Amino acid sequence: MIDDTGQGLKYIGSGCIRIDADYFPDRLKKIFDGVSAVVAEFQPTQMAIEQVFMHRNADSALKLGQARGAAICAGQNQGLAVFEYAARQVKQALVGKGNAEKHQVQHMVKILLGLQGNLQIDASDALGICLCHAHHQQTEKKMQQREPG
């Protein structure tokens, strides 16, 4: 999670929702409840999430889509605006090329947020989506300021 302070982007935190259920609907509920708890604690106003990318395994893509749906519903249920970005967009925004490697994204996330030490790949992916969204929001704001009115 990050905050756009107007003076720059500030790292708030990152974590992982641990799921110990085997029954898939229970897993989806844990995702919904976990995202709801994070939103309740930190009170964000927006949520950014990665779009589903289907490579080879359709079953995995469907399950990921359902997990995303649970997370999106949790955000929407608490009044968040939800924005979606393709992995390629995130990589382009952070590294400058849409086919960047995960470690390159991880490196740029650490630099852009001034983070030291080890950063898990999942955390850097999530923070990368946050940074991409912040960049898009800043660009949109600048474009609106330039429009003749």
Protein backbone atom coordinates (compact mmCIF):
# COMPACT_ATOMS: atom_id res chain seq x y z
CA MET A 1 0.00 0.00 0.00
CA ILE A 2 1.26 3.47 -0.84
CA ASP A 3 0.09 7.03 -0.26
CA ASP A 4 0.43 9.88 -2.73
CA THR A 5 1.23 12.69 -0.32
CA GLY A 6 1.41 15.37 -3.01
CA GLN A 7 5.12 15.63 -2.20
CA GLY A 8 5.87 12.13 -3.44
CA LEU A 9 4.85 8.54 -2.92
CA LYS A 10 5.13 7.04 0.55
CA TYR A 11 5.28 3.33 1.37
CA ILE A 12 2.57 2.42 3.89
CA GLY A 13 2.94 -1.34 4.03
CA SER A 14 2.54 -4.67 2.32
CA GLY A 15 1.51 -8.11 3.39
CA CYS A 16 -0.10 -11.35 2.42
CA ILE A 17 -3.51 -12.83 3.11
CA ARG A 18 -2.85 -16.36 4.39
CA ILE A 19 -5.45 -18.91 3.36
CA ASP A 20 -5.63 -22.26 5.14
CA ALA A 21 -8.92 -23.53 3.69
CA ASP A 22 -9.12 -26.36 1.16
CA TYR A 23 -12.71 -25.79 0.01
CA PHE A 24 -12.55 -23.23 -2.80
CA PRO A 25 -15.58 -21.13 -1.75
CA ASP A 26 -14.01 -20.87 1.73
CA ARG A 27 -10.79 -19.66 0.12
CA LEU A 28 -12.70 -16.95 -1.75
CA LYS A 29 -14.39 -15.86 1.49
CA LYS A 30 -10.98 -15.61 3.20
CA ILE A 31 -9.80 -13.35 0.36
CA PHE A 32 -12.93 -11.20 0.67
CA ASP A 33 -12.59 -10.99 4.46
CA GLY A 34 -8.83 -10.30 4.28
CA VAL A 35 -9.16 -7.46 1.79
CA SER A 36 -12.10 -6.08 3.78
CA ALA A 37 -9.99 -6.07 6.95
CA VAL A 38 -7.11 -4.24 5.23
CA VAL A 39 -9.50 -1.64 3.81
CA ALA A 40 -11.12 -1.16 7.22
CA GLU A 41 -7.74 -0.72 8.91
CA PHE A 42 -6.01 1.59 6.44
CA GLN A 43 -9.01 3.41 4.90
CA PRO A 44 -7.71 3.73 1.31
CA THR A 45 -9.81 5.60 -1.22
CA GLN A 46 -8.78 3.58 -4.28
CA MET A 47 -7.76 0.05 -5.14
CA ALA A 48 -5.60 -1.12 -8.04
CA ILE A 49 -5.46 -4.74 -9.13
CA GLU A 50 -3.75 -6.68 -11.90
CA GLN A 51 -5.82 -8.00 -14.79
CA VAL A 52 -5.86 -11.75 -15.36
CA PHE A 53 -3.27 -13.02 -17.79
CA MET A 54 -3.94 -16.47 -19.22
CA HIS A 55 -0.84 -18.24 -20.39
CA ARG A 56 -1.53 -21.95 -20.70
CA ASN A 57 -3.60 -23.20 -17.79
CA ALA A 58 -7.23 -22.15 -18.21
CA ASP A 59 -8.24 -23.67 -14.85
CA SER A 60 -5.66 -21.56 -13.01
CA ALA A 61 -6.78 -18.44 -14.87
CA LEU A 62 -10.41 -19.10 -13.93
CA LYS A 63 -9.52 -19.57 -10.26
CA LEU A 64 -7.38 -16.44 -10.31
CA GLY A 65 -10.26 -14.56 -11.89
CA GLN A 66 -12.57 -15.71 -9.12
CA ALA A 67 -10.01 -14.69 -6.47
CA ARG A 68 -9.72 -11.26 -8.12
CA GLY A 69 -13.52 -11.05 -8.11
CA ALA A 70 -13.60 -11.67 -4.35
CA ALA A 71 -10.96 -8.95 -3.80
CA ILE A 72 -12.71 -6.49 -6.12
CA CYS A 73 -16.07 -7.10 -4.42
CA ALA A 74 -14.47 -6.49 -1.02
CA GLY A 75 -13.13 -3.15 -2.23
CA GLN A 76 -16.38 -2.16 -3.92
CA ASN A 77 -18.35 -3.23 -0.85
CA GLN A 78 -16.44 -0.61 1.15
CA GLY A 79 -16.85 2.11 -1.47
CA LEU A 80 -13.43 1.99 -3.14
CA ALA A 81 -12.90 2.97 -6.73
CA VAL A 82 -11.22 -0.05 -8.35
CA PHE A 83 -8.74 0.25 -11.21
CA GLU A 84 -7.26 -2.60 -13.25
CA TYR A 85 -3.91 -2.75 -15.04
CA ALA A 86 -2.35 -5.36 -17.29
CA ALA A 87 1.01 -6.74 -16.17
CA ARG A 88 2.51 -5.26 -19.33
CA GLN A 89 1.26 -1.76 -18.36
CA VAL A 90 2.80 -2.09 -14.89
CA LYS A 91 6.15 -3.18 -16.30
CA GLN A 92 6.08 -0.36 -18.86
CA ALA A 93 5.30 2.25 -16.19
CA LEU A 94 8.05 1.07 -13.83
CA VAL A 95 10.83 -0.27 -16.01
CA GLY A 96 10.11 1.33 -19.37
CA LYS A 97 9.48 -1.91 -21.22
CA GLY A 98 6.45 -4.18 -21.11
CA ASN A 99 8.45 -7.39 -21.16
CA ALA A 100 10.57 -6.60 -18.09
CA GLU A 101 11.55 -9.41 -15.73
CA LYS A 102 10.10 -9.66 -12.22
CA HIS A 103 13.44 -8.84 -10.60
CA GLN A 104 13.61 -5.61 -12.65
CA VAL A 105 10.17 -4.59 -11.36
CA GLN A 106 11.25 -5.53 -7.84
CA HIS A 107 14.38 -3.37 -8.17
CA MET A 108 12.44 -0.33 -9.44
CA VAL A 109 9.81 -0.65 -6.70
CA LYS A 110 12.58 -0.55 -4.10
CA ILE A 111 14.17 2.50 -5.74
CA LEU A 112 10.93 4.42 -6.28
CA LEU A 113 9.74 3.85 -2.71
CA GLY A 114 13.17 4.13 -1.07
CA LEU A 115 12.95 0.64 0.42
CA GLN A 116 15.94 -1.16 1.88
CA GLY A 117 16.48 -4.87 2.41
CA ASN A 118 14.62 -7.85 1.04
CA LEU A 119 11.28 -7.38 -0.71
CA GLN A 120 9.25 -10.46 -1.61
CA ILE A 121 8.32 -10.83 -5.30
CA ASP A 122 4.58 -10.89 -4.49
CA ALA A 123 4.94 -7.66 -2.49
CA SER A 124 6.91 -5.99 -5.27
CA ASP A 125 4.26 -7.06 -7.81
CA ALA A 126 1.48 -5.56 -5.67
CA LEU A 127 3.44 -2.38 -4.95
CA GLY A 128 4.28 -2.13 -8.66
CA ILE A 129 0.56 -2.07 -9.44
CA CYS A 130 0.14 0.68 -6.84
CA LEU A 131 2.95 2.70 -8.40
CA CYS A 132 1.55 2.22 -11.91
CA HIS A 133 -1.82 3.45 -10.69
CA ALA A 134 -0.29 6.46 -8.95
CA HIS A 135 1.58 7.32 -12.15
CA HIS A 136 -1.63 7.08 -14.20
CA GLN A 137 -3.50 9.23 -11.68
CA GLN A 138 -0.75 11.89 -11.69
CA THR A 139 -0.69 11.93 -15.50
CA GLU A 140 -4.48 12.22 -15.68
CA LYS A 141 -4.43 15.12 -13.22
CA LYS A 142 -1.80 16.94 -15.31
CA MET A 143 -3.79 16.37 -18.49
CA GLN A 144 -6.93 17.80 -16.88
CA GLN A 145 -5.00 20.88 -15.79
CA ARG A 146 -3.88 21.47 -19.37
CA GLU A 147 -7.33 21.19 -20.93
CA PRO A 148 -8.75 24.54 -21.94
CA GLY A 149 -11.70 25.25 -19.86
